[in-house]
């Protein structure tokens, strides 16, 4: 598990403000998933939303398990290369990244939660 990935990092104030704004303007799929993850509801695992890590803003992050959960909407169809580079950079930091499409979350939340639960258990 990566140590000090969040604490002790220098975060650009503009990036921090952007993360805060994203927390206030979550997509419906992000809201749906957050309702299931917040307050340690998923087997006691603590998730943060819109967490800045290495200059990237990740949708959800479980520090104890080094797990990032990304929610992908239509914009991600246009930024495939950027997403791949971003994922590679995060993996290089020792983190694991799970990606889910908006539709997957909205239509099969329990299945998504099972996959996150499984990732947290390994």
PDB file of N, CA and C in Angstrom:
ATOM      1  N   UNK A   1       0.852  -1.180   0.000  1.00  0.00           N
ATOM      2  CA  UNK A   1       0.000   0.000   0.000  1.00  0.00           C
ATOM      3  C   UNK A   1       0.893   1.238   0.000  1.00  0.00           C
ATOM      4  N   UNK A   2       0.643   2.174  -0.890  1.00  0.00           N
ATOM      5  CA  UNK A   2       1.480   3.367  -0.959  1.00  0.00           C
ATOM      6  C   UNK A   2       1.340   4.225   0.291  1.00  0.00           C
ATOM      7  N   UNK A   3       2.471   4.654   0.790  1.00  0.00           N
ATOM      8  CA  UNK A   3       2.437   5.499   1.980  1.00  0.00           C
ATOM      9  C   UNK A   3       2.474   6.965   1.577  1.00  0.00           C
ATOM     10  N   UNK A   4       1.852   7.801   2.352  1.00  0.00           N
ATOM     11  CA  UNK A   4       1.893   9.241   2.180  1.00  0.00           C
ATOM     12  C   UNK A   4       1.496   9.700   0.786  1.00  0.00           C
ATOM     13  N   UNK A   5       0.640   8.972   0.118  1.00  0.00           N
ATOM     14  CA  UNK A   5       0.230   9.353  -1.228  1.00  0.00           C
ATOM     15  C   UNK A   5      -0.637  10.609  -1.191  1.00  0.00           C
ATOM     16  N   UNK A   6      -1.370  10.806  -0.126  1.00  0.00           N
ATOM     17  CA  UNK A   6      -2.250  11.956  -0.030  1.00  0.00           C
ATOM     18  C   UNK A   6      -1.690  12.984   0.936  1.00  0.00           C
ATOM     19  N   UNK A   7      -1.343  12.558   2.141  1.00  0.00           N
ATOM     20  CA  UNK A   7      -0.810  13.502   3.113  1.00  0.00           C
ATOM     21  C   UNK A   7       0.612  13.877   2.731  1.00  0.00           C
ATOM     22  N   UNK A   8       0.941  15.111   2.914  1.00  0.00           N
ATOM     23  CA  UNK A   8       2.295  15.557   2.637  1.00  0.00           C
ATOM     24  C   UNK A   8       2.546  15.958   1.199  1.00  0.00           C
ATOM     25  N   UNK A   9       1.602  15.721   0.305  1.00  0.00           N
ATOM     26  CA  UNK A   9       1.806  16.132  -1.080  1.00  0.00           C
ATOM     27  C   UNK A   9       1.513  17.624  -1.225  1.00  0.00           C
ATOM     28  N   UNK A  10       2.231  18.265  -2.115  1.00  0.00           N
ATOM     29  CA  UNK A  10       1.972  19.676  -2.392  1.00  0.00           C
ATOM     30  C   UNK A  10       0.903  19.742  -3.475  1.00  0.00           C
ATOM     31  N   UNK A  11      -0.192  20.410  -3.144  1.00  0.00           N
ATOM     32  CA  UNK A  11      -1.320  20.478  -4.063  1.00  0.00           C
ATOM     33  C   UNK A  11      -1.487  21.923  -4.523  1.00  0.00           C
ATOM     34  N   UNK A  12      -1.537  22.087  -5.828  1.00  0.00           N
ATOM     35  CA  UNK A  12      -1.790  23.382  -6.431  1.00  0.00           C
ATOM     36  C   UNK A  12      -3.140  23.901  -5.921  1.00  0.00           C
ATOM     37  N   UNK A  13      -3.194  25.131  -5.404  1.00  0.00           N
ATOM     38  CA  UNK A  13      -4.465  25.661  -4.873  1.00  0.00           C
ATOM     39  C   UNK A  13      -5.591  25.657  -5.909  1.00  0.00           C
ATOM     40  N   UNK A  14      -5.257  25.869  -7.175  1.00  0.00           N
ATOM     41  CA  UNK A  14      -6.287  25.841  -8.213  1.00  0.00           C
ATOM     42  C   UNK A  14      -6.848  24.432  -8.381  1.00  0.00           C
ATOM     43  N   UNK A  15      -5.978  23.438  -8.270  1.00  0.00           N
ATOM     44  CA  UNK A  15      -6.407  22.036  -8.384  1.00  0.00           C
ATOM     45  C   UNK A  15      -7.304  21.690  -7.196  1.00  0.00           C
ATOM     46  N   UNK A  16      -6.937  22.166  -6.015  1.00  0.00           N
ATOM     47  CA  UNK A  16      -7.743  21.932  -4.814  1.00  0.00           C
ATOM     48  C   UNK A  16      -9.133  22.566  -4.955  1.00  0.00           C
ATOM     49  N   UNK A  17      -9.176  23.774  -5.498  1.00  0.00           N
ATOM     50  CA  UNK A  17     -10.452  24.453  -5.719  1.00  0.00           C
ATOM     51  C   UNK A  17     -11.288  23.704  -6.756  1.00  0.00           C
ATOM     52  N   UNK A  18     -10.632  23.180  -7.772  1.00  0.00           N
ATOM     53  CA  UNK A  18     -11.340  22.402  -8.806  1.00  0.00           C
ATOM     54  C   UNK A  18     -11.940  21.126  -8.208  1.00  0.00           C
ATOM     55  N   UNK A  19     -11.179  20.451  -7.342  1.00  0.00           N
ATOM     56  CA  UNK A  19     -11.675  19.235  -6.686  1.00  0.00           C
ATOM     57  C   UNK A  19     -12.892  19.559  -5.825  1.00  0.00           C
ATOM     58  N   UNK A  20     -12.819  20.671  -5.120  1.00  0.00           N
ATOM     59  CA  UNK A  20     -13.942  21.080  -4.270  1.00  0.00           C
ATOM     60  C   UNK A  20     -15.179  21.371  -5.126  1.00  0.00           C
ATOM     61  N   UNK A  21     -14.985  22.032  -6.248  1.00  0.00           N
ATOM     62  CA  UNK A  21     -16.107  22.336  -7.144  1.00  0.00           C
ATOM     63  C   UNK A  21     -16.707  21.043  -7.695  1.00  0.00           C
ATOM     64  N   UNK A  22     -15.848  20.085  -8.044  1.00  0.00           N
ATOM     65  CA  UNK A  22     -16.345  18.809  -8.561  1.00  0.00           C
ATOM     66  C   UNK A  22     -17.164  18.061  -7.513  1.00  0.00           C
ATOM     67  N   UNK A  23     -16.809  18.197  -6.238  1.00  0.00           N
ATOM     68  CA  UNK A  23     -17.591  17.549  -5.179  1.00  0.00           C
ATOM     69  C   UNK A  23     -18.999  18.129  -5.104  1.00  0.00           C
ATOM     70  N   UNK A  24     -19.123  19.405  -5.456  1.00  0.00           N
ATOM     71  CA  UNK A  24     -20.437  20.055  -5.407  1.00  0.00           C
ATOM     72  C   UNK A  24     -21.254  19.846  -6.677  1.00  0.00           C
ATOM     73  N   UNK A  25     -20.603  19.366  -7.746  1.00  0.00           N
ATOM     74  CA  UNK A  25     -21.291  19.192  -9.024  1.00  0.00           C
ATOM     75  C   UNK A  25     -21.046  17.794  -9.571  1.00  0.00           C
ATOM     76  N   UNK A  26     -21.367  16.803  -8.772  1.00  0.00           N
ATOM     77  CA  UNK A  26     -21.166  15.412  -9.179  1.00  0.00           C
ATOM     78  C   UNK A  26     -22.210  15.002 -10.216  1.00  0.00           C
ATOM     79  N   UNK A  27     -21.813  14.069 -11.084  1.00  0.00           N
ATOM     80  CA  UNK A  27     -22.757  13.531 -12.062  1.00  0.00           C
ATOM     81  C   UNK A  27     -23.750  12.613 -11.335  1.00  0.00           C
ATOM     82  N   UNK A  28     -24.874  12.306 -11.947  1.00  0.00           N
ATOM     83  CA  UNK A  28     -25.821  11.385 -11.301  1.00  0.00           C
ATOM     84  C   UNK A  28     -25.178  10.040 -10.945  1.00  0.00           C
ATOM     85  N   UNK A  29     -24.323   9.509 -11.818  1.00  0.00           N
ATOM     86  CA  UNK A  29     -23.673   8.227 -11.525  1.00  0.00           C
ATOM     87  C   UNK A  29     -22.706   8.366 -10.347  1.00  0.00           C
ATOM     88  N   UNK A  30     -21.974   9.468 -10.296  1.00  0.00           N
ATOM     89  CA  UNK A  30     -21.067   9.694  -9.162  1.00  0.00           C
ATOM     90  C   UNK A  30     -21.862   9.814  -7.862  1.00  0.00           C
ATOM     91  N   UNK A  31     -22.974  10.530  -7.909  1.00  0.00           N
ATOM     92  CA  UNK A  31     -23.819  10.670  -6.713  1.00  0.00           C
ATOM     93  C   UNK A  31     -24.334   9.315  -6.251  1.00  0.00           C
ATOM     94  N   UNK A  32     -24.771   8.512  -7.191  1.00  0.00           N
ATOM     95  CA  UNK A  32     -25.297   7.174  -6.878  1.00  0.00           C
ATOM     96  C   UNK A  32     -24.224   6.324  -6.200  1.00  0.00           C
ATOM     97  N   UNK A  33     -23.028   6.302  -6.785  1.00  0.00           N
ATOM     98  CA  UNK A  33     -21.945   5.510  -6.213  1.00  0.00           C
ATOM     99  C   UNK A  33     -21.508   6.076  -4.864  1.00  0.00           C
ATOM    100  N   UNK A  34     -21.444   7.398  -4.750  1.00  0.00           N
ATOM    101  CA  UNK A  34     -21.029   8.021  -3.490  1.00  0.00           C
ATOM    102  C   UNK A  34     -21.988   7.669  -2.364  1.00  0.00           C
ATOM    103  N   UNK A  35     -23.268   7.632  -2.663  1.00  0.00           N
ATOM    104  CA  UNK A  35     -24.249   7.272  -1.632  1.00  0.00           C
ATOM    105  C   UNK A  35     -23.980   5.872  -1.082  1.00  0.00           C
ATOM    106  N   UNK A  36     -23.428   4.992  -1.902  1.00  0.00           N
ATOM    107  CA  UNK A  36     -23.124   3.622  -1.467  1.00  0.00           C
ATOM    108  C   UNK A  36     -21.767   3.507  -0.785  1.00  0.00           C
ATOM    109  N   UNK A  37     -20.855   4.443  -1.079  1.00  0.00           N
ATOM    110  CA  UNK A  37     -19.502   4.369  -0.521  1.00  0.00           C
ATOM    111  C   UNK A  37     -19.296   5.239   0.714  1.00  0.00           C
ATOM    112  N   UNK A  38     -20.039   6.301   0.822  1.00  0.00           N
ATOM    113  CA  UNK A  38     -19.794   7.274   1.903  1.00  0.00           C
ATOM    114  C   UNK A  38     -20.049   6.667   3.286  1.00  0.00           C
ATOM    115  N   UNK A  39     -19.484   7.299   4.269  1.00  0.00           N
ATOM    116  CA  UNK A  39     -19.627   6.879   5.666  1.00  0.00           C
ATOM    117  C   UNK A  39     -19.228   5.421   5.884  1.00  0.00           C
ATOM    118  N   UNK A  40     -18.207   4.964   5.166  1.00  0.00           N
ATOM    119  CA  UNK A  40     -17.643   3.617   5.360  1.00  0.00           C
ATOM    120  C   UNK A  40     -18.690   2.512   5.196  1.00  0.00           C
ATOM    121  N   UNK A  41     -19.693   2.741   4.358  1.00  0.00           N
ATOM    122  CA  UNK A  41     -20.789   1.781   4.200  1.00  0.00           C
ATOM    123  C   UNK A  41     -20.387   0.493   3.501  1.00  0.00           C
ATOM    124  N   UNK A  42     -19.343   0.545   2.688  1.00  0.00           N
ATOM    125  CA  UNK A  42     -18.943  -0.648   1.960  1.00  0.00           C
ATOM    126  C   UNK A  42     -17.931  -1.420   2.800  1.00  0.00           C
ATOM    127  N   UNK A  43     -18.433  -2.322   3.613  1.00  0.00           N
ATOM    128  CA  UNK A  43     -17.603  -3.190   4.460  1.00  0.00           C
ATOM    129  C   UNK A  43     -16.613  -2.423   5.329  1.00  0.00           C
ATOM    130  N   UNK A  44     -16.959  -1.211   5.695  1.00  0.00           N
ATOM    131  CA  UNK A  44     -16.108  -0.417   6.587  1.00  0.00           C
ATOM    132  C   UNK A  44     -14.955   0.288   5.892  1.00  0.00           C
ATOM    133  N   UNK A  45     -14.852   0.194   4.575  1.00  0.00           N
ATOM    134  CA  UNK A  45     -13.768   0.859   3.854  1.00  0.00           C
ATOM    135  C   UNK A  45     -14.081   2.340   3.710  1.00  0.00           C
ATOM    136  N   UNK A  46     -13.086   3.170   3.991  1.00  0.00           N
ATOM    137  CA  UNK A  46     -13.259   4.623   3.927  1.00  0.00           C
ATOM    138  C   UNK A  46     -12.842   5.135   2.551  1.00  0.00           C
ATOM    139  N   UNK A  47     -13.765   5.796   1.871  1.00  0.00           N
ATOM    140  CA  UNK A  47     -13.495   6.392   0.567  1.00  0.00           C
ATOM    141  C   UNK A  47     -13.592   7.904   0.668  1.00  0.00           C
ATOM    142  N   UNK A  48     -12.735   8.568  -0.097  1.00  0.00           N
ATOM    143  CA  UNK A  48     -12.796  10.016  -0.259  1.00  0.00           C
ATOM    144  C   UNK A  48     -13.241  10.278  -1.687  1.00  0.00           C
ATOM    145  N   UNK A  49     -13.913  11.390  -1.904  1.00  0.00           N
ATOM    146  CA  UNK A  49     -14.336  11.727  -3.266  1.00  0.00           C
ATOM    147  C   UNK A  49     -13.549  12.925  -3.766  1.00  0.00           C
ATOM    148  N   UNK A  50     -13.309  12.934  -5.070  1.00  0.00           N
ATOM    149  CA  UNK A  50     -12.586  14.000  -5.740  1.00  0.00           C
ATOM    150  C   UNK A  50     -11.283  14.318  -5.008  1.00  0.00           C
ATOM    151  N   UNK A  51     -10.466  13.295  -4.861  1.00  0.00           N
ATOM    152  CA  UNK A  51      -9.190  13.389  -4.150  1.00  0.00           C
ATOM    153  C   UNK A  51      -8.077  13.745  -5.138  1.00  0.00           C
ATOM    154  N   UNK A  52      -7.251  14.713  -4.758  1.00  0.00           N
ATOM    155  CA  UNK A  52      -6.095  15.078  -5.579  1.00  0.00           C
ATOM    156  C   UNK A  52      -4.950  14.129  -5.238  1.00  0.00           C
ATOM    157  N   UNK A  53      -4.424  13.473  -6.260  1.00  0.00           N
ATOM    158  CA  UNK A  53      -3.279  12.576  -6.096  1.00  0.00           C
ATOM    159  C   UNK A  53      -2.316  12.856  -7.239  1.00  0.00           C
ATOM    160  N   UNK A  54      -1.133  13.286  -6.905  1.00  0.00           N
ATOM    161  CA  UNK A  54      -0.093  13.542  -7.917  1.00  0.00           C
ATOM    162  C   UNK A  54      -0.552  14.505  -9.005  1.00  0.00           C
ATOM    163  N   UNK A  55      -1.357  15.469  -8.634  1.00  0.00           N
ATOM    164  CA  UNK A  55      -1.836  16.449  -9.605  1.00  0.00           C
ATOM    165  C   UNK A  55      -3.074  16.023 -10.373  1.00  0.00           C
ATOM    166  N   UNK A  56      -3.517  14.799 -10.166  1.00  0.00           N
ATOM    167  CA  UNK A  56      -4.740  14.302 -10.809  1.00  0.00           C
ATOM    168  C   UNK A  56      -5.871  14.338  -9.785  1.00  0.00           C
ATOM    169  N   UNK A  57      -7.071  14.591 -10.261  1.00  0.00           N
ATOM    170  CA  UNK A  57      -8.246  14.509  -9.390  1.00  0.00           C
ATOM    171  C   UNK A  57      -8.934  13.182  -9.714  1.00  0.00           C
ATOM    172  N   UNK A  58      -8.951  12.285  -8.730  1.00  0.00           N
ATOM    173  CA  UNK A  58      -9.593  10.987  -8.931  1.00  0.00           C
ATOM    174  C   UNK A  58     -10.982  11.032  -8.316  1.00  0.00           C
ATOM    175  N   UNK A  59     -11.902  10.275  -8.879  1.00  0.00           N
ATOM    176  CA  UNK A  59     -13.287  10.335  -8.418  1.00  0.00           C
ATOM    177  C   UNK A  59     -13.439   9.840  -6.987  1.00  0.00           C
ATOM    178  N   UNK A  60     -12.957   8.630  -6.706  1.00  0.00           N
ATOM    179  CA  UNK A  60     -13.064   8.055  -5.362  1.00  0.00           C
ATOM    180  C   UNK A  60     -11.760   7.360  -5.021  1.00  0.00           C
ATOM    181  N   UNK A  61     -11.364   7.448  -3.759  1.00  0.00           N
ATOM    182  CA  UNK A  61     -10.077   6.894  -3.348  1.00  0.00           C
ATOM    183  C   UNK A  61     -10.188   6.273  -1.972  1.00  0.00           C
ATOM    184  N   UNK A  62      -9.743   5.023  -1.863  1.00  0.00           N
ATOM    185  CA  UNK A  62      -9.649   4.328  -0.582  1.00  0.00           C
ATOM    186  C   UNK A  62      -8.164   4.220  -0.246  1.00  0.00           C
ATOM    187  N   UNK A  63      -7.704   5.040   0.677  1.00  0.00           N
ATOM    188  CA  UNK A  63      -6.287   5.095   1.021  1.00  0.00           C
ATOM    189  C   UNK A  63      -5.801   3.782   1.629  1.00  0.00           C
ATOM    190  N   UNK A  64      -6.612   3.185   2.490  1.00  0.00           N
ATOM    191  CA  UNK A  64      -6.201   1.954   3.173  1.00  0.00           C
ATOM    192  C   UNK A  64      -5.889   0.831   2.191  1.00  0.00           C
ATOM    193  N   UNK A  65      -6.545   0.840   1.046  1.00  0.00           N
ATOM    194  CA  UNK A  65      -6.356  -0.218   0.047  1.00  0.00           C
ATOM    195  C   UNK A  65      -5.639   0.269  -1.206  1.00  0.00           C
ATOM    196  N   UNK A  66      -5.288   1.555  -1.244  1.00  0.00           N
ATOM    197  CA  UNK A  66      -4.610   2.092  -2.421  1.00  0.00           C
ATOM    198  C   UNK A  66      -5.441   1.911  -3.680  1.00  0.00           C
ATOM    199  N   UNK A  67      -6.751   2.110  -3.544  1.00  0.00           N
ATOM    200  CA  UNK A  67      -7.683   1.845  -4.639  1.00  0.00           C
ATOM    201  C   UNK A  67      -8.359   3.123  -5.112  1.00  0.00           C
ATOM    202  N   UNK A  68      -8.309   3.345  -6.406  1.00  0.00           N
ATOM    203  CA  UNK A  68      -8.991   4.464  -7.048  1.00  0.00           C
ATOM    204  C   UNK A  68     -10.152   3.899  -7.851  1.00  0.00           C
ATOM    205  N   UNK A  69     -11.306   4.541  -7.730  1.00  0.00           N
ATOM    206  CA  UNK A  69     -12.480   4.161  -8.516  1.00  0.00           C
ATOM    207  C   UNK A  69     -12.849   5.362  -9.381  1.00  0.00           C
ATOM    208  N   UNK A  70     -12.835   5.146 -10.683  1.00  0.00           N
ATOM    209  CA  UNK A  70     -13.159   6.200 -11.645  1.00  0.00           C
ATOM    210  C   UNK A  70     -14.521   5.933 -12.271  1.00  0.00           C
ATOM    211  N   UNK A  71     -15.294   6.987 -12.448  1.00  0.00           N
ATOM    212  CA  UNK A  71     -16.603   6.917 -13.084  1.00  0.00           C
ATOM    213  C   UNK A  71     -16.481   7.615 -14.428  1.00  0.00           C
ATOM    214  N   UNK A  72     -16.672   6.866 -15.499  1.00  0.00           N
ATOM    215  CA  UNK A  72     -16.456   7.382 -16.843  1.00  0.00           C
ATOM    216  C   UNK A  72     -17.754   7.688 -17.559  1.00  0.00           C
ATOM    217  N   UNK A  73     -17.889   8.943 -17.955  1.00  0.00           N
ATOM    218  CA  UNK A  73     -19.021   9.366 -18.766  1.00  0.00           C
ATOM    219  C   UNK A  73     -18.602   9.486 -20.219  1.00  0.00           C
ATOM    220  N   UNK A  74     -19.442  10.092 -21.050  1.00  0.00           N
ATOM    221  CA  UNK A  74     -19.179  10.195 -22.488  1.00  0.00           C
ATOM    222  C   UNK A  74     -17.871  10.909 -22.835  1.00  0.00           C
ATOM    223  N   UNK A  75     -17.446  11.863 -22.030  1.00  0.00           N
ATOM    224  CA  UNK A  75     -16.212  12.601 -22.316  1.00  0.00           C
ATOM    225  C   UNK A  75     -15.008  11.666 -22.395  1.00  0.00           C
ATOM    226  N   UNK A  76     -15.065  10.576 -21.671  1.00  0.00           N
ATOM    227  CA  UNK A  76     -13.925   9.656 -21.644  1.00  0.00           C
ATOM    228  C   UNK A  76     -13.742   8.915 -22.971  1.00  0.00           C
ATOM    229  N   UNK A  77     -14.784   8.896 -23.806  1.00  0.00           N
ATOM    230  CA  UNK A  77     -14.647   8.320 -25.142  1.00  0.00           C
ATOM    231  C   UNK A  77     -13.730   9.177 -26.011  1.00  0.00           C
ATOM    232  N   UNK A  78     -13.583  10.437 -25.650  1.00  0.00           N
ATOM    233  CA  UNK A  78     -12.773  11.375 -26.419  1.00  0.00           C
ATOM    234  C   UNK A  78     -11.380  11.583 -25.832  1.00  0.00           C
ATOM    235  N   UNK A  79     -11.120  11.012 -24.677  1.00  0.00           N
ATOM    236  CA  UNK A  79      -9.814  11.217 -24.035  1.00  0.00           C
ATOM    237  C   UNK A  79      -9.189   9.894 -23.612  1.00  0.00           C
ATOM    238  N   UNK A  80      -9.262   8.930 -24.486  1.00  0.00           N
ATOM    239  CA  UNK A  80      -8.772   7.584 -24.188  1.00  0.00           C
ATOM    240  C   UNK A  80      -7.273   7.589 -23.882  1.00  0.00           C
ATOM    241  N   UNK A  81      -6.500   8.289 -24.687  1.00  0.00           N
ATOM    242  CA  UNK A  81      -5.047   8.328 -24.471  1.00  0.00           C
ATOM    243  C   UNK A  81      -4.701   8.998 -23.154  1.00  0.00           C
ATOM    244  N   UNK A  82      -5.354  10.125 -22.856  1.00  0.00           N
ATOM    245  CA  UNK A  82      -5.100  10.822 -21.595  1.00  0.00           C
ATOM    246  C   UNK A  82      -5.440   9.918 -20.412  1.00  0.00           C
ATOM    247  N   UNK A  83      -6.588   9.257 -20.470  1.00  0.00           N
ATOM    248  CA  UNK A  83      -6.989   8.365 -19.384  1.00  0.00           C
ATOM    249  C   UNK A  83      -5.978   7.241 -19.191  1.00  0.00           C
ATOM    250  N   UNK A  84      -5.464   6.698 -20.298  1.00  0.00           N
ATOM    251  CA  UNK A  84      -4.480   5.609 -20.214  1.00  0.00           C
ATOM    252  C   UNK A  84      -3.183   6.100 -19.571  1.00  0.00           C
ATOM    253  N   UNK A  85      -2.721   7.283 -19.969  1.00  0.00           N
ATOM    254  CA  UNK A  85      -1.501   7.856 -19.381  1.00  0.00           C
ATOM    255  C   UNK A  85      -1.696   8.131 -17.893  1.00  0.00           C
ATOM    256  N   UNK A  86      -2.835   8.668 -17.562  1.00  0.00           N
ATOM    257  CA  UNK A  86      -3.171   8.993 -16.171  1.00  0.00           C
ATOM    258  C   UNK A  86      -3.202   7.720 -15.331  1.00  0.00           C
ATOM    259  N   UNK A  87      -3.864   6.698 -15.856  1.00  0.00           N
ATOM    260  CA  UNK A  87      -3.936   5.418 -15.154  1.00  0.00           C
ATOM    261  C   UNK A  87      -2.543   4.838 -14.960  1.00  0.00           C
ATOM    262  N   UNK A  88      -1.720   4.880 -16.004  1.00  0.00           N
ATOM    263  CA  UNK A  88      -0.344   4.371 -15.904  1.00  0.00           C
ATOM    264  C   UNK A  88       0.450   5.113 -14.827  1.00  0.00           C
ATOM    265  N   UNK A  89       0.282   6.434 -14.755  1.00  0.00           N
ATOM    266  CA  UNK A  89       1.000   7.230 -13.750  1.00  0.00           C
ATOM    267  C   UNK A  89       0.548   6.850 -12.341  1.00  0.00           C
ATOM    268  N   UNK A  90      -0.731   6.621 -12.164  1.00  0.00           N
ATOM    269  CA  UNK A  90      -1.252   6.255 -10.843  1.00  0.00           C
ATOM    270  C   UNK A  90      -0.815   4.840 -10.456  1.00  0.00           C
ATOM    271  N   UNK A  91      -0.822   3.932 -11.416  1.00  0.00           N
ATOM    272  CA  UNK A  91      -0.359   2.565 -11.159  1.00  0.00           C
ATOM    273  C   UNK A  91       1.123   2.579 -10.792  1.00  0.00           C
ATOM    274  N   UNK A  92       1.885   3.440 -11.452  1.00  0.00           N
ATOM    275  CA  UNK A  92       3.319   3.548 -11.152  1.00  0.00           C
ATOM    276  C   UNK A  92       3.549   3.999  -9.706  1.00  0.00           C
ATOM    277  N   UNK A  93       2.566   4.667  -9.105  1.00  0.00           N
ATOM    278  CA  UNK A  93       2.644   5.076  -7.702  1.00  0.00           C
ATOM    279  C   UNK A  93       2.219   3.946  -6.767  1.00  0.00           C
ATOM    280  N   UNK A  94       1.891   2.799  -7.323  1.00  0.00           N
ATOM    281  CA  UNK A  94       1.496   1.655  -6.505  1.00  0.00           C
ATOM    282  C   UNK A  94       0.014   1.580  -6.231  1.00  0.00           C
ATOM    283  N   UNK A  95      -0.772   2.365  -6.957  1.00  0.00           N
ATOM    284  CA  UNK A  95      -2.217   2.369  -6.768  1.00  0.00           C
ATOM    285  C   UNK A  95      -2.886   1.442  -7.773  1.00  0.00           C
ATOM    286  N   UNK A  96      -4.092   0.996  -7.427  1.00  0.00           N
ATOM    287  CA  UNK A  96      -4.915   0.213  -8.350  1.00  0.00           C
ATOM    288  C   UNK A  96      -6.064   1.092  -8.809  1.00  0.00           C
ATOM    289  N   UNK A  97      -6.466   0.930 -10.058  1.00  0.00           N
ATOM    290  CA  UNK A  97      -7.519   1.770 -10.631  1.00  0.00           C
ATOM    291  C   UNK A  97      -8.618   0.885 -11.208  1.00  0.00           C
ATOM    292  N   UNK A  98      -9.844   1.129 -10.765  1.00  0.00           N
ATOM    293  CA  UNK A  98     -11.029   0.495 -11.342  1.00  0.00           C
ATOM    294  C   UNK A  98     -11.812   1.571 -12.083  1.00  0.00           C
ATOM    295  N   UNK A  99     -12.278   1.242 -13.270  1.00  0.00           N
ATOM    296  CA  UNK A  99     -13.069   2.186 -14.059  1.00  0.00           C
ATOM    297  C   UNK A  99     -14.441   1.579 -14.333  1.00  0.00           C
ATOM    298  N   UNK A 100     -15.463   2.409 -14.188  1.00  0.00           N
ATOM    299  CA  UNK A 100     -16.832   1.991 -14.470  1.00  0.00           C
ATOM    300  C   UNK A 100     -17.518   3.060 -15.310  1.00  0.00           C
ATOM    301  N   UNK A 101     -18.316   2.631 -16.257  1.00  0.00           N
ATOM    302  CA  UNK A 101     -19.111   3.550 -17.071  1.00  0.00           C
ATOM    303  C   UNK A 101     -20.323   4.011 -16.265  1.00  0.00           C
ATOM    304  N   UNK A 102     -20.788   5.216 -16.571  1.00  0.00           N
ATOM    305  CA  UNK A 102     -21.988   5.735 -15.909  1.00  0.00           C
ATOM    306  C   UNK A 102     -23.131   4.729 -15.961  1.00  0.00           C
ATOM    307  N   UNK A 103     -23.359   4.166 -17.146  1.00  0.00           N
ATOM    308  CA  UNK A 103     -24.480   3.238 -17.344  1.00  0.00           C
ATOM    309  C   UNK A 103     -24.344   2.011 -16.454  1.00  0.00           C
ATOM    310  N   UNK A 104     -23.128   1.552 -16.295  1.00  0.00           N
ATOM    311  CA  UNK A 104     -22.885   0.373 -15.466  1.00  0.00           C
ATOM    312  C   UNK A 104     -23.284   0.643 -14.012  1.00  0.00           C
ATOM    313  N   UNK A 105     -22.939   1.815 -13.537  1.00  0.00           N
ATOM    314  CA  UNK A 105     -23.278   2.184 -12.150  1.00  0.00           C
ATOM    315  C   UNK A 105     -24.792   2.328 -11.988  1.00  0.00           C
ATOM    316  N   UNK A 106     -25.416   3.002 -12.935  1.00  0.00           N
ATOM    317  CA  UNK A 106     -26.849   3.267 -12.826  1.00  0.00           C
ATOM    318  C   UNK A 106     -27.703   2.009 -13.022  1.00  0.00           C
ATOM    319  N   UNK A 107     -27.208   1.064 -13.820  1.00  0.00           N
ATOM    320  CA  UNK A 107     -28.003  -0.123 -14.126  1.00  0.00           C
ATOM    321  C   UNK A 107     -27.628  -1.342 -13.288  1.00  0.00           C
ATOM    322  N   UNK A 108     -26.425  -1.332 -12.707  1.00  0.00           N
ATOM    323  CA  UNK A 108     -25.971  -2.513 -11.970  1.00  0.00           C
ATOM    324  C   UNK A 108     -25.105  -2.099 -10.783  1.00  0.00           C
ATOM    325  N   UNK A 109     -25.643  -1.262  -9.931  1.00  0.00           N
ATOM    326  CA  UNK A 109     -24.879  -0.752  -8.785  1.00  0.00           C
ATOM    327  C   UNK A 109     -24.357  -1.884  -7.913  1.00  0.00           C
ATOM    328  N   UNK A 110     -25.173  -2.887  -7.648  1.00  0.00           N
ATOM    329  CA  UNK A 110     -24.727  -3.992  -6.788  1.00  0.00           C
ATOM    330  C   UNK A 110     -23.536  -4.726  -7.402  1.00  0.00           C
ATOM    331  N   UNK A 111     -23.553  -4.918  -8.710  1.00  0.00           N
ATOM    332  CA  UNK A 111     -22.428  -5.555  -9.384  1.00  0.00           C
ATOM    333  C   UNK A 111     -21.161  -4.720  -9.288  1.00  0.00           C
ATOM    334  N   UNK A 112     -21.306  -3.419  -9.432  1.00  0.00           N
ATOM    335  CA  UNK A 112     -20.172  -2.502  -9.299  1.00  0.00           C
ATOM    336  C   UNK A 112     -19.628  -2.565  -7.881  1.00  0.00           C
ATOM    337  N   UNK A 113     -20.511  -2.520  -6.905  1.00  0.00           N
ATOM    338  CA  UNK A 113     -20.078  -2.578  -5.506  1.00  0.00           C
ATOM    339  C   UNK A 113     -19.382  -3.899  -5.197  1.00  0.00           C
ATOM    340  N   UNK A 114     -19.850  -4.983  -5.788  1.00  0.00           N
ATOM    341  CA  UNK A 114     -19.190  -6.281  -5.599  1.00  0.00           C
ATOM    342  C   UNK A 114     -17.756  -6.238  -6.128  1.00  0.00           C
ATOM    343  N   UNK A 115     -17.568  -5.613  -7.291  1.00  0.00           N
ATOM    344  CA  UNK A 115     -16.217  -5.518  -7.863  1.00  0.00           C
ATOM    345  C   UNK A 115     -15.320  -4.654  -6.986  1.00  0.00           C
ATOM    346  N   UNK A 116     -15.859  -3.559  -6.455  1.00  0.00           N
ATOM    347  CA  UNK A 116     -15.060  -2.706  -5.554  1.00  0.00           C
ATOM    348  C   UNK A 116     -14.745  -3.461  -4.281  1.00  0.00           C
ATOM    349  N   UNK A 117     -15.728  -4.143  -3.743  1.00  0.00           N
ATOM    350  CA  UNK A 117     -15.539  -4.948  -2.522  1.00  0.00           C
ATOM    351  C   UNK A 117     -14.444  -5.995  -2.737  1.00  0.00           C
ATOM    352  N   UNK A 118     -14.483  -6.677  -3.877  1.00  0.00           N
ATOM    353  CA  UNK A 118     -13.478  -7.684  -4.188  1.00  0.00           C
ATOM    354  C   UNK A 118     -12.083  -7.064  -4.284  1.00  0.00           C
ATOM    355  N   UNK A 119     -12.000  -5.907  -4.914  1.00  0.00           N
ATOM    356  CA  UNK A 119     -10.708  -5.225  -5.037  1.00  0.00           C
ATOM    357  C   UNK A 119     -10.180  -4.808  -3.667  1.00  0.00           C
ATOM    358  N   UNK A 120     -11.074  -4.412  -2.785  1.00  0.00           N
ATOM    359  CA  UNK A 120     -10.652  -4.020  -1.427  1.00  0.00           C
ATOM    360  C   UNK A 120     -10.245  -5.217  -0.587  1.00  0.00           C
ATOM    361  N   UNK A 121     -10.723  -6.376  -0.950  1.00  0.00           N
ATOM    362  CA  UNK A 121     -10.431  -7.576  -0.163  1.00  0.00           C
ATOM    363  C   UNK A 121      -9.124  -8.245  -0.565  1.00  0.00           C
ATOM    364  N   UNK A 122      -8.499  -7.785  -1.633  1.00  0.00           N
ATOM    365  CA  UNK A 122      -7.242  -8.399  -2.084  1.00  0.00           C
ATOM    366  C   UNK A 122      -6.063  -7.528  -1.740  1.00  0.00           C
TER     367      UNK A 122
END
